[in-house]
Amino acid sequence: MSSRRSRVSEEEINRLVSKLQSLLPETRQRGAGRASAAKLLKETCNYIRSLNRDVDDLSDRLSAIMATMDSSSAEAEMVRSLLRS
């Protein structure tokens, strides 16, 4: 494939950077100021790492809760049904 076909236009990059900027909480709070693409990508990586830590923490907490429940209780069944959906 030629490098000409695989290149993304500057306009497309700007559109994608703007879209990404609108998804990140920190950049939405800052307002309309435009961050560099490199800084935005770094913030995105940090945000994803933070989300992964949150998921791990919630998973650990849920495991601890489930370990203390009677597996046949209504509460345990409710948790299982929430996890299935």
N, C-alpha and C. Protein backbone atom coordinates (compact mmCIF):
# COMPACT_ATOMS: atom_id res chain seq x y z
N MET A 1 0.84 -1.17 0.00
CA MET A 1 0.00 0.00 0.00
C MET A 1 0.89 1.23 0.00
N SER A 2 0.57 2.20 -0.78
CA SER A 2 1.40 3.39 -0.87
C SER A 2 1.21 4.25 0.37
N SER A 3 2.24 5.01 0.72
CA SER A 3 2.16 5.86 1.90
C SER A 3 1.16 6.98 1.69
N ARG A 4 0.90 7.32 0.43
CA ARG A 4 -0.08 8.36 0.14
C ARG A 4 -1.48 7.93 0.58
N ARG A 5 -1.83 6.70 0.34
CA ARG A 5 -3.16 6.21 0.70
C ARG A 5 -3.31 6.01 2.20
N SER A 6 -2.25 5.66 2.88
CA SER A 6 -2.35 5.36 4.31
C SER A 6 -2.24 6.61 5.18
N ARG A 7 -1.91 7.72 4.62
CA ARG A 7 -1.79 8.94 5.42
C ARG A 7 -3.15 9.51 5.78
N VAL A 8 -3.22 10.03 6.97
CA VAL A 8 -4.43 10.68 7.44
C VAL A 8 -4.24 12.17 7.26
N SER A 9 -5.24 12.83 6.75
CA SER A 9 -5.12 14.27 6.50
C SER A 9 -5.05 15.03 7.81
N GLU A 10 -4.48 16.20 7.75
CA GLU A 10 -4.39 17.06 8.93
C GLU A 10 -5.79 17.42 9.43
N GLU A 11 -6.69 17.61 8.50
CA GLU A 11 -8.08 17.92 8.86
C GLU A 11 -8.71 16.77 9.65
N GLU A 12 -8.45 15.54 9.21
CA GLU A 12 -8.97 14.36 9.91
C GLU A 12 -8.35 14.24 11.30
N ILE A 13 -7.06 14.49 11.41
CA ILE A 13 -6.39 14.45 12.72
C ILE A 13 -7.00 15.50 13.64
N ASN A 14 -7.20 16.71 13.14
CA ASN A 14 -7.80 17.77 13.95
C ASN A 14 -9.20 17.41 14.41
N ARG A 15 -9.96 16.78 13.52
CA ARG A 15 -11.33 16.37 13.87
C ARG A 15 -11.29 15.31 14.96
N LEU A 16 -10.38 14.33 14.83
CA LEU A 16 -10.27 13.26 15.82
C LEU A 16 -9.76 13.79 17.16
N VAL A 17 -8.82 14.73 17.13
CA VAL A 17 -8.30 15.33 18.36
C VAL A 17 -9.42 16.09 19.06
N SER A 18 -10.22 16.82 18.32
CA SER A 18 -11.35 17.55 18.91
C SER A 18 -12.36 16.59 19.53
N LYS A 19 -12.62 15.50 18.84
CA LYS A 19 -13.56 14.50 19.35
C LYS A 19 -13.02 13.89 20.64
N LEU A 20 -11.74 13.54 20.64
CA LEU A 20 -11.12 12.96 21.83
C LEU A 20 -11.13 13.96 22.97
N GLN A 21 -10.85 15.21 22.67
CA GLN A 21 -10.84 16.25 23.68
C GLN A 21 -12.21 16.39 24.34
N SER A 22 -13.26 16.22 23.58
CA SER A 22 -14.61 16.34 24.14
C SER A 22 -14.97 15.17 25.05
N LEU A 23 -14.25 14.05 24.95
CA LEU A 23 -14.54 12.87 25.75
C LEU A 23 -13.84 12.85 27.10
N LEU A 24 -12.75 13.58 27.22
CA LEU A 24 -11.96 13.54 28.46
C LEU A 24 -12.48 14.56 29.47
N PRO A 25 -12.75 14.12 30.70
CA PRO A 25 -13.29 15.04 31.71
C PRO A 25 -12.40 16.26 31.95
N GLU A 26 -11.09 16.06 32.04
CA GLU A 26 -10.20 17.19 32.34
C GLU A 26 -10.25 18.26 31.25
N THR A 27 -10.29 17.82 30.01
CA THR A 27 -10.28 18.79 28.91
C THR A 27 -11.64 19.47 28.76
N ARG A 28 -12.71 18.77 29.10
CA ARG A 28 -14.04 19.41 29.06
C ARG A 28 -14.13 20.49 30.11
N GLN A 29 -13.52 20.26 31.29
CA GLN A 29 -13.58 21.23 32.38
C GLN A 29 -12.75 22.47 32.09
N ARG A 30 -11.68 22.30 31.29
CA ARG A 30 -10.81 23.43 30.96
C ARG A 30 -11.49 24.41 30.02
N GLY A 31 -12.47 23.94 29.29
CA GLY A 31 -13.15 24.84 28.37
C GLY A 31 -12.65 24.67 26.96
N ALA A 32 -12.75 25.74 26.21
CA ALA A 32 -12.51 25.68 24.76
C ALA A 32 -11.03 25.69 24.38
N GLY A 33 -10.13 25.87 25.34
CA GLY A 33 -8.71 25.90 25.01
C GLY A 33 -8.26 24.64 24.30
N ARG A 34 -7.48 24.78 23.28
CA ARG A 34 -7.05 23.65 22.45
C ARG A 34 -5.71 23.13 22.95
N ALA A 35 -5.67 21.86 23.32
CA ALA A 35 -4.42 21.23 23.77
C ALA A 35 -3.72 20.63 22.55
N SER A 36 -2.41 20.46 22.66
CA SER A 36 -1.68 19.82 21.58
C SER A 36 -2.11 18.36 21.50
N ALA A 37 -1.97 17.78 20.32
CA ALA A 37 -2.35 16.37 20.13
C ALA A 37 -1.52 15.48 21.05
N ALA A 38 -0.23 15.78 21.21
CA ALA A 38 0.62 14.96 22.07
C ALA A 38 0.17 15.01 23.52
N LYS A 39 -0.15 16.21 24.00
CA LYS A 39 -0.61 16.35 25.38
C LYS A 39 -1.95 15.65 25.56
N LEU A 40 -2.81 15.78 24.59
CA LEU A 40 -4.11 15.14 24.66
C LEU A 40 -3.99 13.62 24.68
N LEU A 41 -3.09 13.07 23.89
CA LEU A 41 -2.88 11.63 23.90
C LEU A 41 -2.31 11.16 25.24
N LYS A 42 -1.43 11.95 25.81
CA LYS A 42 -0.87 11.61 27.13
C LYS A 42 -1.98 11.63 28.19
N GLU A 43 -2.84 12.65 28.14
CA GLU A 43 -3.94 12.72 29.09
C GLU A 43 -4.91 11.55 28.90
N THR A 44 -5.12 11.17 27.65
CA THR A 44 -6.00 10.04 27.36
C THR A 44 -5.44 8.76 27.97
N CYS A 45 -4.14 8.54 27.79
CA CYS A 45 -3.51 7.35 28.38
C CYS A 45 -3.62 7.36 29.89
N ASN A 46 -3.39 8.51 30.51
CA ASN A 46 -3.52 8.62 31.96
C ASN A 46 -4.95 8.35 32.41
N TYR A 47 -5.92 8.85 31.67
CA TYR A 47 -7.32 8.65 32.01
C TYR A 47 -7.69 7.16 31.89
N ILE A 48 -7.23 6.51 30.86
CA ILE A 48 -7.51 5.08 30.68
C ILE A 48 -6.86 4.28 31.81
N ARG A 49 -5.64 4.63 32.19
CA ARG A 49 -4.99 3.95 33.33
C ARG A 49 -5.81 4.14 34.61
N SER A 50 -6.31 5.35 34.80
CA SER A 50 -7.13 5.65 35.97
C SER A 50 -8.41 4.82 35.95
N LEU A 51 -9.05 4.70 34.81
CA LEU A 51 -10.25 3.88 34.69
C LEU A 51 -9.93 2.42 34.99
N ASN A 52 -8.80 1.94 34.50
CA ASN A 52 -8.40 0.55 34.78
C ASN A 52 -8.20 0.32 36.27
N ARG A 53 -7.57 1.28 36.95
CA ARG A 53 -7.38 1.16 38.41
C ARG A 53 -8.74 1.13 39.12
N ASP A 54 -9.66 1.98 38.66
CA ASP A 54 -11.00 2.01 39.26
C ASP A 54 -11.71 0.67 39.08
N VAL A 55 -11.61 0.10 37.89
CA VAL A 55 -12.24 -1.19 37.62
C VAL A 55 -11.63 -2.27 38.52
N ASP A 56 -10.31 -2.26 38.63
CA ASP A 56 -9.65 -3.25 39.50
C ASP A 56 -10.10 -3.10 40.95
N ASP A 57 -10.18 -1.85 41.42
CA ASP A 57 -10.61 -1.59 42.78
C ASP A 57 -12.05 -2.06 43.00
N LEU A 58 -12.93 -1.74 42.08
CA LEU A 58 -14.33 -2.16 42.21
C LEU A 58 -14.46 -3.68 42.16
N SER A 59 -13.66 -4.31 41.32
CA SER A 59 -13.68 -5.77 41.23
C SER A 59 -13.24 -6.39 42.55
N ASP A 60 -12.18 -5.85 43.14
CA ASP A 60 -11.70 -6.36 44.43
C ASP A 60 -12.77 -6.18 45.51
N ARG A 61 -13.40 -5.00 45.52
CA ARG A 61 -14.43 -4.74 46.53
C ARG A 61 -15.64 -5.66 46.35
N LEU A 62 -16.02 -5.88 45.10
CA LEU A 62 -17.14 -6.77 44.82
C LEU A 62 -16.81 -8.20 45.24
N SER A 63 -15.59 -8.63 44.96
CA SER A 63 -15.17 -9.98 45.37
C SER A 63 -15.24 -10.13 46.88
N ALA A 64 -14.81 -9.10 47.60
CA ALA A 64 -14.84 -9.14 49.06
C ALA A 64 -16.28 -9.20 49.56
N ILE A 65 -17.17 -8.45 48.94
CA ILE A 65 -18.58 -8.47 49.34
C ILE A 65 -19.19 -9.84 49.05
N MET A 66 -18.92 -10.36 47.86
CA MET A 66 -19.48 -11.65 47.48
C MET A 66 -18.97 -12.77 48.40
N ALA A 67 -17.74 -12.65 48.89
CA ALA A 67 -17.18 -13.67 49.77
C ALA A 67 -17.90 -13.73 51.11
N THR A 68 -18.51 -12.61 51.51
CA THR A 68 -19.20 -12.57 52.81
C THR A 68 -20.68 -12.89 52.68
N MET A 69 -21.19 -13.02 51.47
CA MET A 69 -22.62 -13.29 51.26
C MET A 69 -22.89 -14.78 51.17
N ASP A 70 -24.08 -15.12 51.59
CA ASP A 70 -24.57 -16.47 51.36
C ASP A 70 -24.86 -16.58 49.87
N SER A 71 -24.25 -17.53 49.19
CA SER A 71 -24.36 -17.62 47.73
C SER A 71 -25.78 -17.86 47.25
N SER A 72 -26.66 -18.30 48.13
CA SER A 72 -28.05 -18.55 47.73
C SER A 72 -28.98 -17.43 48.17
N SER A 73 -28.42 -16.35 48.72
CA SER A 73 -29.25 -15.26 49.21
C SER A 73 -29.80 -14.42 48.05
N ALA A 74 -30.84 -13.67 48.36
CA ALA A 74 -31.44 -12.77 47.37
C ALA A 74 -30.44 -11.69 46.94
N GLU A 75 -29.64 -11.22 47.88
CA GLU A 75 -28.65 -10.19 47.56
C GLU A 75 -27.60 -10.72 46.58
N ALA A 76 -27.15 -11.94 46.82
CA ALA A 76 -26.15 -12.54 45.92
C ALA A 76 -26.74 -12.74 44.53
N GLU A 77 -27.98 -13.15 44.46
CA GLU A 77 -28.63 -13.33 43.16
C GLU A 77 -28.79 -11.99 42.45
N MET A 78 -29.11 -10.95 43.20
CA MET A 78 -29.24 -9.62 42.61
C MET A 78 -27.90 -9.16 42.02
N VAL A 79 -26.82 -9.37 42.75
CA VAL A 79 -25.49 -8.99 42.26
C VAL A 79 -25.16 -9.78 40.99
N ARG A 80 -25.44 -11.08 41.02
CA ARG A 80 -25.18 -11.90 39.83
C ARG A 80 -25.99 -11.41 38.63
N SER A 81 -27.23 -11.03 38.85
CA SER A 81 -28.06 -10.56 37.73
C SER A 81 -27.55 -9.23 37.20
N LEU A 82 -27.05 -8.38 38.08
CA LEU A 82 -26.47 -7.11 37.62
C LEU A 82 -25.21 -7.34 36.79
N LEU A 83 -24.43 -8.33 37.18
CA LEU A 83 -23.20 -8.63 36.45
C LEU A 83 -23.49 -9.23 35.09
N ARG A 84 -24.61 -9.92 34.96
CA ARG A 84 -24.97 -10.52 33.67
C ARG A 84 -25.46 -9.48 32.68
N SER A 85 -26.02 -8.37 33.17
CA SER A 85 -26.59 -7.39 32.25
C SER A 85 -25.60 -6.39 31.75
